[in-house]
Protein backbone atom coordinates (compact mmCIF):
# COMPACT_ATOMS: atom_id res chain seq x y z
CA MET A 1 80.50 72.98 61.24
CA LYS A 2 76.90 72.64 60.20
CA LYS A 3 74.47 70.00 61.37
CA PHE A 4 74.39 66.57 59.66
CA LYS A 5 71.85 66.41 56.85
CA PHE A 6 71.36 63.25 54.84
CA SER A 7 70.70 64.17 51.23
CA LEU A 8 68.61 61.05 50.58
CA GLN A 9 66.40 61.40 53.66
CA LYS A 10 63.25 61.80 51.53
CA LEU A 11 64.05 58.52 49.77
CA LEU A 12 64.57 56.81 53.13
CA ASP A 13 61.25 58.21 54.39
CA ILE A 14 59.48 56.93 51.27
CA ARG A 15 61.01 53.48 51.65
CA GLU A 16 60.07 53.35 55.35
CA ALA A 17 56.50 54.33 54.49
CA LYS A 18 56.36 51.69 51.76
CA GLU A 19 57.62 49.03 54.17
CA ALA A 20 55.09 50.08 56.82
CA LYS A 21 52.26 49.95 54.27
CA ILE A 22 53.23 46.43 53.20
CA LYS A 23 53.54 45.35 56.86
CA ASN A 24 50.03 46.63 57.53
CA GLU A 25 48.70 44.78 54.49
CA LEU A 26 50.40 41.59 55.67
CA MET A 27 49.00 42.02 59.19
CA LYS A 28 45.51 42.38 57.72
CA PHE A 29 45.69 39.07 55.90
CA LEU A 30 47.42 37.30 58.79
CA GLY A 31 44.66 38.61 61.06
CA ILE A 32 42.03 37.08 58.81
CA GLN A 33 43.89 33.77 58.83
CA ASN A 34 44.24 33.87 62.60
CA ARG A 35 40.52 34.55 63.06
CA GLU A 36 39.75 31.52 60.90
CA ARG A 37 42.16 29.40 62.97
CA MET A 38 40.56 30.64 66.18
CA LEU A 39 37.14 29.72 64.77
CA GLN A 40 38.45 26.23 64.01
CA ASP A 41 39.85 25.87 67.53
CA GLU A 42 36.58 27.03 69.09
CA LEU A 43 34.55 24.58 67.02
CA ARG A 44 36.92 21.71 67.83
CA ALA A 45 36.67 22.54 71.54
CA LYS A 46 32.87 22.66 71.38
CA ILE A 47 32.72 19.32 69.55
CA LYS A 48 34.99 17.76 72.16
CA ARG A 49 32.96 19.23 75.01
CA TYR A 50 29.59 18.14 73.58
CA GLU A 51 30.91 14.66 72.82
CA SER A 52 32.30 14.28 76.34
CA GLU A 53 29.01 15.51 77.85
CA TYR A 54 27.09 13.03 75.71
CA SER A 55 29.45 10.17 76.63
CA GLU A 56 28.91 11.02 80.31
CA LYS A 57 25.14 10.82 79.75
CA LEU A 58 25.61 7.48 77.99
CA LYS A 59 27.59 6.13 80.96
CA LYS A 60 24.87 7.26 83.34
CA GLY A 61 22.19 5.81 81.07
CA VAL A 62 20.45 9.19 80.69
CA TYR A 63 20.34 9.84 76.99
CA SER A 64 17.84 10.28 74.25
CA ALA A 65 17.78 9.64 70.54
CA GLU A 66 16.88 13.29 70.03
CA GLU A 67 20.08 14.42 71.77
CA ALA A 68 22.12 11.94 69.75
CA MET A 69 20.66 13.29 66.50
CA PHE A 70 21.27 16.88 67.63
CA LEU A 71 24.88 16.03 68.49
CA MET A 72 25.45 14.28 65.15
CA ARG A 73 23.99 17.23 63.22
CA TYR A 74 26.03 19.72 65.25
CA VAL A 75 29.26 17.74 64.76
CA ASP A 76 28.66 17.47 61.01
CA THR A 77 27.91 21.17 60.72
CA ALA A 78 30.91 22.11 62.86
CA ARG A 79 33.26 19.86 60.87
CA ASN A 80 31.97 21.40 57.64
CA ALA A 81 32.62 24.86 59.11
CA ILE A 82 36.14 23.76 60.14
CA ALA A 83 36.79 22.47 56.61
CA GLY A 84 35.45 25.72 55.13
CA ALA A 85 37.70 27.77 57.39
CA GLN A 86 40.68 25.63 56.36
CA LYS A 87 39.87 26.24 52.68
CA ARG A 88 39.71 30.00 53.33
CA ILE A 89 43.07 29.85 55.15
CA GLU A 90 44.64 27.94 52.29
CA ALA A 91 43.12 30.33 49.74
CA LEU A 92 44.74 33.28 51.52
CA GLN A 93 48.17 31.63 51.77
CA PRO A 94 49.41 32.54 48.24
CA THR A 95 48.46 36.17 48.89
CA VAL A 96 50.27 36.11 52.24
CA ASP A 97 53.37 34.59 50.60
CA GLU A 98 53.32 37.23 47.85
CA ILE A 99 53.01 40.04 50.39
CA ARG A 100 55.86 38.54 52.45
CA GLY A 101 58.02 38.55 49.33
CA ARG A 102 57.22 42.21 48.69
CA LEU A 103 58.00 42.97 52.34
CA VAL A 104 61.41 41.31 52.06
CA VAL A 105 62.20 43.39 48.96
CA ALA A 106 60.99 46.62 50.61
CA SER A 107 63.00 45.87 53.76
CA ARG A 108 66.14 45.27 51.68
CA GLU A 109 65.63 48.53 49.79
CA LYS A 110 65.17 50.45 53.04
CA LYS A 111 68.20 48.73 54.62
CA ILE A 112 70.38 49.81 51.68
CA VAL A 113 69.51 53.48 52.19
CA GLU A 114 69.89 53.14 55.98
CA LYS A 115 73.40 51.70 55.53
CA LEU A 116 74.26 54.58 53.22
CA LYS A 117 72.96 57.05 55.82
CA GLU A 118 75.06 55.38 58.53
CA ARG A 119 78.15 55.54 56.31
CA LYS A 120 77.53 59.21 55.50
CA PHE A 121 77.01 59.98 59.20
CA LYS A 122 80.27 58.22 60.06
CA GLU A 123 82.06 60.28 57.39
CA TYR A 124 80.47 63.43 58.82
CA MET A 125 81.57 62.53 62.36
CA ASP A 126 85.11 61.72 61.18
CA GLU A 127 85.31 65.10 59.44
CA PHE A 128 83.83 66.82 62.49
CA ASN A 129 86.39 65.15 64.79
CA ARG A 130 89.25 66.10 62.43
CA ASN A 131 88.09 69.72 62.44
CA MET A 132 87.77 69.73 66.25
CA ALA A 133 91.26 68.26 66.59
CA LYS A 134 92.63 70.86 64.17
CA GLU A 135 90.93 73.67 66.11
CA ASN A 136 92.32 72.32 69.37
CA ASP A 137 95.81 72.10 67.87
CA ASP A 138 95.54 75.66 66.55
CA THR A 139 94.33 76.93 69.96
CA ASN A 140 97.09 75.07 71.79
CA GLN A 141 99.72 76.36 69.40
CA LYS A 142 98.50 79.96 69.89
CA LEU A 143 98.62 79.51 73.66
CA TYR A 144 102.10 78.06 73.44
CA GLN A 145 103.27 80.94 71.23
CA ARG A 146 101.76 83.44 73.66
CA ASN A 147 103.49 81.76 76.61
CA LEU A 148 106.87 81.90 74.83
CA ARG A 149 106.72 85.72 74.62
């Protein structure tokens, strides 16, 4: 019996490639969002660190108005940058949701063809096993006939 060959393999390959392309596109946008979130986290950590350093200086009585002004300007700038990053994250969210929807559809389409391939392979294996059993029966019957003579 000849080797199993799925007649729709090209279609399956195309659907797998389409799914991979959409996954890559999704990863690109999620990467951008994650970089923005990391920027926000870094800025929040710096604000916290600078504020704690300044409060330590205040407790020790070693502070200056210049440092206070610098800290206030930095905190304002950092908070504006955090807000800007949040706006960019939110602006990307509809695109991410749309790509996720396309990925779900592409995954379903690929899964359909994969299920069909599995079913066809099972049919092939059942036929192969039937043929092997038939050949074994024929061989055994010939041996039995030969032994009777």
